[in-house]
PDB file of N, CA and C in Angstrom:
ATOM      1  N   UNK A   1       0.860  -1.179   0.000  1.00  0.00           N
ATOM      2  CA  UNK A   1       0.000   0.000   0.000  1.00  0.00           C
ATOM      3  C   UNK A   1       0.901   1.236   0.000  1.00  0.00           C
ATOM      4  N   UNK A   2       0.655   2.177  -0.912  1.00  0.00           N
ATOM      5  CA  UNK A   2       1.516   3.361  -0.988  1.00  0.00           C
ATOM      6  C   UNK A   2       1.324   4.338   0.165  1.00  0.00           C
ATOM      7  N   UNK A   3       0.268   4.190   0.925  1.00  0.00           N
ATOM      8  CA  UNK A   3      -0.001   5.079   2.056  1.00  0.00           C
ATOM      9  C   UNK A   3       0.302   4.334   3.348  1.00  0.00           C
ATOM     10  N   UNK A   4       1.336   4.753   4.034  1.00  0.00           N
ATOM     11  CA  UNK A   4       1.715   4.072   5.271  1.00  0.00           C
ATOM     12  C   UNK A   4       1.009   4.626   6.495  1.00  0.00           C
ATOM     13  N   UNK A   5       0.717   5.917   6.482  1.00  0.00           N
ATOM     14  CA  UNK A   5       0.059   6.574   7.610  1.00  0.00           C
ATOM     15  C   UNK A   5      -1.233   7.192   7.115  1.00  0.00           C
ATOM     16  N   UNK A   6      -2.346   6.757   7.693  1.00  0.00           N
ATOM     17  CA  UNK A   6      -3.665   7.189   7.222  1.00  0.00           C
ATOM     18  C   UNK A   6      -4.437   7.816   8.371  1.00  0.00           C
ATOM     19  N   UNK A   7      -4.995   8.992   8.117  1.00  0.00           N
ATOM     20  CA  UNK A   7      -5.829   9.674   9.096  1.00  0.00           C
ATOM     21  C   UNK A   7      -7.295   9.381   8.857  1.00  0.00           C
ATOM     22  N   UNK A   8      -8.034   9.135   9.919  1.00  0.00           N
ATOM     23  CA  UNK A   8      -9.472   8.895   9.841  1.00  0.00           C
ATOM     24  C   UNK A   8     -10.197  10.025  10.555  1.00  0.00           C
ATOM     25  N   UNK A   9     -11.129  10.631   9.840  1.00  0.00           N
ATOM     26  CA  UNK A   9     -11.879  11.781  10.344  1.00  0.00           C
ATOM     27  C   UNK A   9     -13.348  11.513  10.067  1.00  0.00           C
ATOM     28  N   UNK A  10     -14.225  11.866  10.995  1.00  0.00           N
ATOM     29  CA  UNK A  10     -15.643  11.637  10.764  1.00  0.00           C
ATOM     30  C   UNK A  10     -16.516  12.449  11.686  1.00  0.00           C
ATOM     31  N   UNK A  11     -17.803  12.282  11.498  1.00  0.00           N
ATOM     32  CA  UNK A  11     -18.783  12.976  12.321  1.00  0.00           C
ATOM     33  C   UNK A  11     -18.964  12.207  13.626  1.00  0.00           C
ATOM     34  N   UNK A  12     -18.703  12.885  14.726  1.00  0.00           N
ATOM     35  CA  UNK A  12     -18.820  12.246  16.040  1.00  0.00           C
ATOM     36  C   UNK A  12     -20.270  11.908  16.354  1.00  0.00           C
ATOM     37  N   UNK A  13     -20.465  10.839  17.099  1.00  0.00           N
ATOM     38  CA  UNK A  13     -21.782  10.407  17.585  1.00  0.00           C
ATOM     39  C   UNK A  13     -22.770  10.148  16.458  1.00  0.00           C
ATOM     40  N   UNK A  14     -22.271   9.642  15.339  1.00  0.00           N
ATOM     41  CA  UNK A  14     -23.158   9.291  14.230  1.00  0.00           C
ATOM     42  C   UNK A  14     -22.904   7.835  13.860  1.00  0.00           C
ATOM     43  N   UNK A  15     -23.932   7.010  13.942  1.00  0.00           N
ATOM     44  CA  UNK A  15     -23.783   5.565  13.758  1.00  0.00           C
ATOM     45  C   UNK A  15     -23.218   5.202  12.385  1.00  0.00           C
ATOM     46  N   UNK A  16     -23.690   5.856  11.330  1.00  0.00           N
ATOM     47  CA  UNK A  16     -23.191   5.543   9.990  1.00  0.00           C
ATOM     48  C   UNK A  16     -21.706   5.807   9.859  1.00  0.00           C
ATOM     49  N   UNK A  17     -21.266   6.928  10.377  1.00  0.00           N
ATOM     50  CA  UNK A  17     -19.843   7.264  10.330  1.00  0.00           C
ATOM     51  C   UNK A  17     -19.048   6.307  11.210  1.00  0.00           C
ATOM     52  N   UNK A  18     -19.570   5.980  12.375  1.00  0.00           N
ATOM     53  CA  UNK A  18     -18.910   5.071  13.318  1.00  0.00           C
ATOM     54  C   UNK A  18     -18.640   3.712  12.666  1.00  0.00           C
ATOM     55  N   UNK A  19     -19.635   3.160  12.012  1.00  0.00           N
ATOM     56  CA  UNK A  19     -19.497   1.852  11.370  1.00  0.00           C
ATOM     57  C   UNK A  19     -18.456   1.916  10.256  1.00  0.00           C
ATOM     58  N   UNK A  20     -18.525   2.945   9.429  1.00  0.00           N
ATOM     59  CA  UNK A  20     -17.583   3.086   8.318  1.00  0.00           C
ATOM     60  C   UNK A  20     -16.153   3.284   8.808  1.00  0.00           C
ATOM     61  N   UNK A  21     -15.963   4.119   9.818  1.00  0.00           N
ATOM     62  CA  UNK A  21     -14.616   4.365  10.341  1.00  0.00           C
ATOM     63  C   UNK A  21     -14.004   3.098  10.924  1.00  0.00           C
ATOM     64  N   UNK A  22     -14.789   2.306  11.633  1.00  0.00           N
ATOM     65  CA  UNK A  22     -14.261   1.061  12.195  1.00  0.00           C
ATOM     66  C   UNK A  22     -13.940   0.043  11.109  1.00  0.00           C
ATOM     67  N   UNK A  23     -14.738  -0.005  10.058  1.00  0.00           N
ATOM     68  CA  UNK A  23     -14.443  -0.902   8.940  1.00  0.00           C
ATOM     69  C   UNK A  23     -13.147  -0.480   8.246  1.00  0.00           C
ATOM     70  N   UNK A  24     -12.974   0.812   8.054  1.00  0.00           N
ATOM     71  CA  UNK A  24     -11.730   1.316   7.466  1.00  0.00           C
ATOM     72  C   UNK A  24     -10.531   0.997   8.353  1.00  0.00           C
ATOM     73  N   UNK A  25     -10.679   1.191   9.644  1.00  0.00           N
ATOM     74  CA  UNK A  25      -9.585   0.897  10.571  1.00  0.00           C
ATOM     75  C   UNK A  25      -9.207  -0.582  10.517  1.00  0.00           C
ATOM     76  N   UNK A  26     -10.190  -1.464  10.444  1.00  0.00           N
ATOM     77  CA  UNK A  26      -9.909  -2.900  10.338  1.00  0.00           C
ATOM     78  C   UNK A  26      -9.101  -3.203   9.077  1.00  0.00           C
ATOM     79  N   UNK A  27      -9.494  -2.602   7.966  1.00  0.00           N
ATOM     80  CA  UNK A  27      -8.777  -2.794   6.701  1.00  0.00           C
ATOM     81  C   UNK A  27      -7.338  -2.284   6.817  1.00  0.00           C
ATOM     82  N   UNK A  28      -7.180  -1.094   7.387  1.00  0.00           N
ATOM     83  CA  UNK A  28      -5.849  -0.501   7.514  1.00  0.00           C
ATOM     84  C   UNK A  28      -4.963  -1.303   8.458  1.00  0.00           C
ATOM     85  N   UNK A  29      -5.544  -1.862   9.508  1.00  0.00           N
ATOM     86  CA  UNK A  29      -4.781  -2.732  10.414  1.00  0.00           C
ATOM     87  C   UNK A  29      -4.253  -3.948   9.660  1.00  0.00           C
ATOM     88  N   UNK A  30      -5.100  -4.536   8.834  1.00  0.00           N
ATOM     89  CA  UNK A  30      -4.701  -5.710   8.061  1.00  0.00           C
ATOM     90  C   UNK A  30      -3.563  -5.380   7.097  1.00  0.00           C
ATOM     91  N   UNK A  31      -3.511  -4.144   6.634  1.00  0.00           N
ATOM     92  CA  UNK A  31      -2.448  -3.688   5.729  1.00  0.00           C
ATOM     93  C   UNK A  31      -1.242  -3.135   6.492  1.00  0.00           C
ATOM     94  N   UNK A  32      -1.291  -3.217   7.810  1.00  0.00           N
ATOM     95  CA  UNK A  32      -0.218  -2.774   8.704  1.00  0.00           C
ATOM     96  C   UNK A  32       0.105  -1.288   8.550  1.00  0.00           C
ATOM     97  N   UNK A  33      -0.917  -0.495   8.362  1.00  0.00           N
ATOM     98  CA  UNK A  33      -0.764   0.956   8.278  1.00  0.00           C
ATOM     99  C   UNK A  33      -0.765   1.563   9.676  1.00  0.00           C
ATOM    100  N   UNK A  34      -0.144   2.706   9.792  1.00  0.00           N
ATOM    101  CA  UNK A  34      -0.255   3.517  10.999  1.00  0.00           C
ATOM    102  C   UNK A  34      -1.544   4.309  10.882  1.00  0.00           C
ATOM    103  N   UNK A  35      -2.368   4.265  11.920  1.00  0.00           N
ATOM    104  CA  UNK A  35      -3.681   4.910  11.878  1.00  0.00           C
ATOM    105  C   UNK A  35      -3.693   6.096  12.831  1.00  0.00           C
ATOM    106  N   UNK A  36      -4.092   7.248  12.303  1.00  0.00           N
ATOM    107  CA  UNK A  36      -4.293   8.453  13.100  1.00  0.00           C
ATOM    108  C   UNK A  36      -5.788   8.729  13.128  1.00  0.00           C
ATOM    109  N   UNK A  37      -6.355   8.908  14.299  1.00  0.00           N
ATOM    110  CA  UNK A  37      -7.792   9.127  14.428  1.00  0.00           C
ATOM    111  C   UNK A  37      -8.034  10.508  15.015  1.00  0.00           C
ATOM    112  N   UNK A  38      -8.901  11.264  14.383  1.00  0.00           N
ATOM    113  CA  UNK A  38      -9.240  12.609  14.854  1.00  0.00           C
ATOM    114  C   UNK A  38      -9.890  12.502  16.224  1.00  0.00           C
ATOM    115  N   UNK A  39      -9.517  13.405  17.108  1.00  0.00           N
ATOM    116  CA  UNK A  39      -9.871  13.301  18.523  1.00  0.00           C
ATOM    117  C   UNK A  39     -11.366  13.252  18.807  1.00  0.00           C
ATOM    118  N   UNK A  40     -12.198  13.852  17.973  1.00  0.00           N
ATOM    119  CA  UNK A  40     -13.637  13.868  18.267  1.00  0.00           C
ATOM    120  C   UNK A  40     -14.305  12.515  18.051  1.00  0.00           C
ATOM    121  N   UNK A  41     -13.682  11.629  17.281  1.00  0.00           N
ATOM    122  CA  UNK A  41     -14.274  10.307  17.037  1.00  0.00           C
ATOM    123  C   UNK A  41     -13.484   9.170  17.678  1.00  0.00           C
ATOM    124  N   UNK A  42     -12.381   9.479  18.318  1.00  0.00           N
ATOM    125  CA  UNK A  42     -11.500   8.433  18.853  1.00  0.00           C
ATOM    126  C   UNK A  42     -12.193   7.528  19.869  1.00  0.00           C
ATOM    127  N   UNK A  43     -13.064   8.086  20.710  1.00  0.00           N
ATOM    128  CA  UNK A  43     -13.733   7.271  21.729  1.00  0.00           C
ATOM    129  C   UNK A  43     -14.703   6.267  21.120  1.00  0.00           C
ATOM    130  N   UNK A  44     -15.119   6.504  19.887  1.00  0.00           N
ATOM    131  CA  UNK A  44     -16.073   5.613  19.230  1.00  0.00           C
ATOM    132  C   UNK A  44     -15.389   4.491  18.459  1.00  0.00           C
ATOM    133  N   UNK A  45     -14.067   4.508  18.428  1.00  0.00           N
ATOM    134  CA  UNK A  45     -13.328   3.530  17.643  1.00  0.00           C
ATOM    135  C   UNK A  45     -13.073   2.265  18.450  1.00  0.00           C
ATOM    136  N   UNK A  46     -13.101   1.127  17.753  1.00  0.00           N
ATOM    137  CA  UNK A  46     -12.753  -0.152  18.361  1.00  0.00           C
ATOM    138  C   UNK A  46     -11.232  -0.269  18.415  1.00  0.00           C
ATOM    139  N   UNK A  47     -10.729  -0.921  19.430  1.00  0.00           N
ATOM    140  CA  UNK A  47      -9.294  -1.137  19.554  1.00  0.00           C
ATOM    141  C   UNK A  47      -8.590   0.067  20.146  1.00  0.00           C
ATOM    142  N   UNK A  48      -7.287  -0.087  20.298  1.00  0.00           N
ATOM    143  CA  UNK A  48      -6.485   1.007  20.842  1.00  0.00           C
ATOM    144  C   UNK A  48      -5.149   1.136  20.115  1.00  0.00           C
ATOM    145  N   UNK A  49      -5.066   0.558  18.938  1.00  0.00           N
ATOM    146  CA  UNK A  49      -3.817   0.572  18.179  1.00  0.00           C
ATOM    147  C   UNK A  49      -3.790   1.703  17.153  1.00  0.00           C
ATOM    148  N   UNK A  50      -4.164   2.883  17.601  1.00  0.00           N
ATOM    149  CA  UNK A  50      -4.134   4.064  16.749  1.00  0.00           C
ATOM    150  C   UNK A  50      -3.699   5.246  17.602  1.00  0.00           C
ATOM    151  N   UNK A  51      -3.318   6.314  16.932  1.00  0.00           N
ATOM    152  CA  UNK A  51      -2.901   7.529  17.617  1.00  0.00           C
ATOM    153  C   UNK A  51      -3.999   8.569  17.491  1.00  0.00           C
ATOM    154  N   UNK A  52      -4.376   9.173  18.595  1.00  0.00           N
ATOM    155  CA  UNK A  52      -5.394  10.225  18.598  1.00  0.00           C
ATOM    156  C   UNK A  52      -4.701  11.547  18.277  1.00  0.00           C
ATOM    157  N   UNK A  53      -5.246  12.280  17.303  1.00  0.00           N
ATOM    158  CA  UNK A  53      -4.629  13.525  16.841  1.00  0.00           C
ATOM    159  C   UNK A  53      -5.682  14.591  16.588  1.00  0.00           C
ATOM    160  N   UNK A  54      -5.234  15.832  16.582  1.00  0.00           N
ATOM    161  CA  UNK A  54      -6.108  16.903  16.109  1.00  0.00           C
ATOM    162  C   UNK A  54      -5.952  16.994  14.585  1.00  0.00           C
ATOM    163  N   UNK A  55      -6.791  17.805  13.957  1.00  0.00           N
ATOM    164  CA  UNK A  55      -6.778  17.894  12.496  1.00  0.00           C
ATOM    165  C   UNK A  55      -5.445  18.400  11.953  1.00  0.00           C
ATOM    166  N   UNK A  56      -4.841  19.341  12.631  1.00  0.00           N
ATOM    167  CA  UNK A  56      -3.557  19.884  12.171  1.00  0.00           C
ATOM    168  C   UNK A  56      -2.490  18.793  12.164  1.00  0.00           C
ATOM    169  N   UNK A  57      -2.447  17.991  13.208  1.00  0.00           N
ATOM    170  CA  UNK A  57      -1.462  16.909  13.287  1.00  0.00           C
ATOM    171  C   UNK A  57      -1.701  15.860  12.210  1.00  0.00           C
ATOM    172  N   UNK A  58      -2.956  15.538  11.964  1.00  0.00           N
ATOM    173  CA  UNK A  58      -3.258  14.591  10.887  1.00  0.00           C
ATOM    174  C   UNK A  58      -2.759  15.152   9.563  1.00  0.00           C
ATOM    175  N   UNK A  59      -3.013  16.428   9.320  1.00  0.00           N
ATOM    176  CA  UNK A  59      -2.551  17.058   8.083  1.00  0.00           C
ATOM    177  C   UNK A  59      -1.044  17.016   7.919  1.00  0.00           C
ATOM    178  N   UNK A  60      -0.321  17.134   9.003  1.00  0.00           N
ATOM    179  CA  UNK A  60       1.142  17.124   8.955  1.00  0.00           C
ATOM    180  C   UNK A  60       1.721  15.717   8.837  1.00  0.00           C
ATOM    181  N   UNK A  61       1.060  14.732   9.443  1.00  0.00           N
ATOM    182  CA  UNK A  61       1.655  13.399   9.560  1.00  0.00           C
ATOM    183  C   UNK A  61       1.125  12.370   8.566  1.00  0.00           C
ATOM    184  N   UNK A  62      -0.107  12.513   8.127  1.00  0.00           N
ATOM    185  CA  UNK A  62      -0.741  11.464   7.317  1.00  0.00           C
ATOM    186  C   UNK A  62      -0.341  11.555   5.847  1.00  0.00           C
ATOM    187  N   UNK A  63      -0.172  10.389   5.230  1.00  0.00           N
ATOM    188  CA  UNK A  63       0.009  10.316   3.781  1.00  0.00           C
ATOM    189  C   UNK A  63      -1.331  10.470   3.078  1.00  0.00           C
ATOM    190  N   UNK A  64      -2.392  10.102   3.782  1.00  0.00           N
ATOM    191  CA  UNK A  64      -3.754  10.143   3.250  1.00  0.00           C
ATOM    192  C   UNK A  64      -4.705  10.373   4.410  1.00  0.00           C
ATOM    193  N   UNK A  65      -5.717  11.197   4.201  1.00  0.00           N
ATOM    194  CA  UNK A  65      -6.776  11.376   5.201  1.00  0.00           C
ATOM    195  C   UNK A  65      -8.100  10.990   4.561  1.00  0.00           C
ATOM    196  N   UNK A  66      -8.883  10.195   5.269  1.00  0.00           N
ATOM    197  CA  UNK A  66     -10.198   9.774   4.800  1.00  0.00           C
ATOM    198  C   UNK A  66     -11.234  10.412   5.711  1.00  0.00           C
ATOM    199  N   UNK A  67     -12.183  11.117   5.099  1.00  0.00           N
ATOM    200  CA  UNK A  67     -13.246  11.783   5.850  1.00  0.00           C
ATOM    201  C   UNK A  67     -14.539  11.037   5.585  1.00  0.00           C
ATOM    202  N   UNK A  68     -15.215  10.639   6.656  1.00  0.00           N
ATOM    203  CA  UNK A  68     -16.492   9.937   6.532  1.00  0.00           C
ATOM    204  C   UNK A  68     -17.588  10.901   6.946  1.00  0.00           C
ATOM    205  N   UNK A  69     -18.515  11.153   6.026  1.00  0.00           N
ATOM    206  CA  UNK A  69     -19.595  12.101   6.283  1.00  0.00           C
ATOM    207  C   UNK A  69     -20.634  11.555   7.242  1.00  0.00           C
ATOM    208  N   UNK A  70     -21.578  12.399   7.584  1.00  0.00           N
ATOM    209  CA  UNK A  70     -22.613  12.048   8.548  1.00  0.00           C
ATOM    210  C   UNK A  70     -23.488  10.886   8.128  1.00  0.00           C
ATOM    211  N   UNK A  71     -23.575  10.631   6.824  1.00  0.00           N
ATOM    212  CA  UNK A  71     -24.386   9.507   6.365  1.00  0.00           C
ATOM    213  C   UNK A  71     -23.548   8.254   6.139  1.00  0.00           C
ATOM    214  N   UNK A  72     -22.268   8.319   6.514  1.00  0.00           N
ATOM    215  CA  UNK A  72     -21.393   7.158   6.363  1.00  0.00           C
ATOM    216  C   UNK A  72     -20.641   7.117   5.053  1.00  0.00           C
ATOM    217  N   UNK A  73     -20.893   8.064   4.148  1.00  0.00           N
ATOM    218  CA  UNK A  73     -20.175   8.103   2.875  1.00  0.00           C
ATOM    219  C   UNK A  73     -18.759   8.605   3.072  1.00  0.00           C
ATOM    220  N   UNK A  74     -17.824   8.014   2.324  1.00  0.00           N
ATOM    221  CA  UNK A  74     -16.435   8.474   2.373  1.00  0.00           C
ATOM    222  C   UNK A  74     -16.257   9.625   1.404  1.00  0.00           C
ATOM    223  N   UNK A  75     -15.492  10.622   1.831  1.00  0.00           N
ATOM    224  CA  UNK A  75     -15.181  11.770   0.976  1.00  0.00           C
ATOM    225  C   UNK A  75     -13.708  11.732   0.620  1.00  0.00           C
TER     226      UNK A  75
END
């Protein structure tokens, strides 16, 4: 995978986004990527093998950022 560090960003307290973000995290774990999770959704994530970051830190550190909208769609 060309992206080693991936940031996950989404709408907090939204079930559709929660499900999508956890599915993405599972995929990224299987690919042995470093996962950065935006602080507002970190408590909703399964597992603890990710780094909690603010948006600025994700922008500086991530090779790719995936944003999941309120309806669960990826942007």
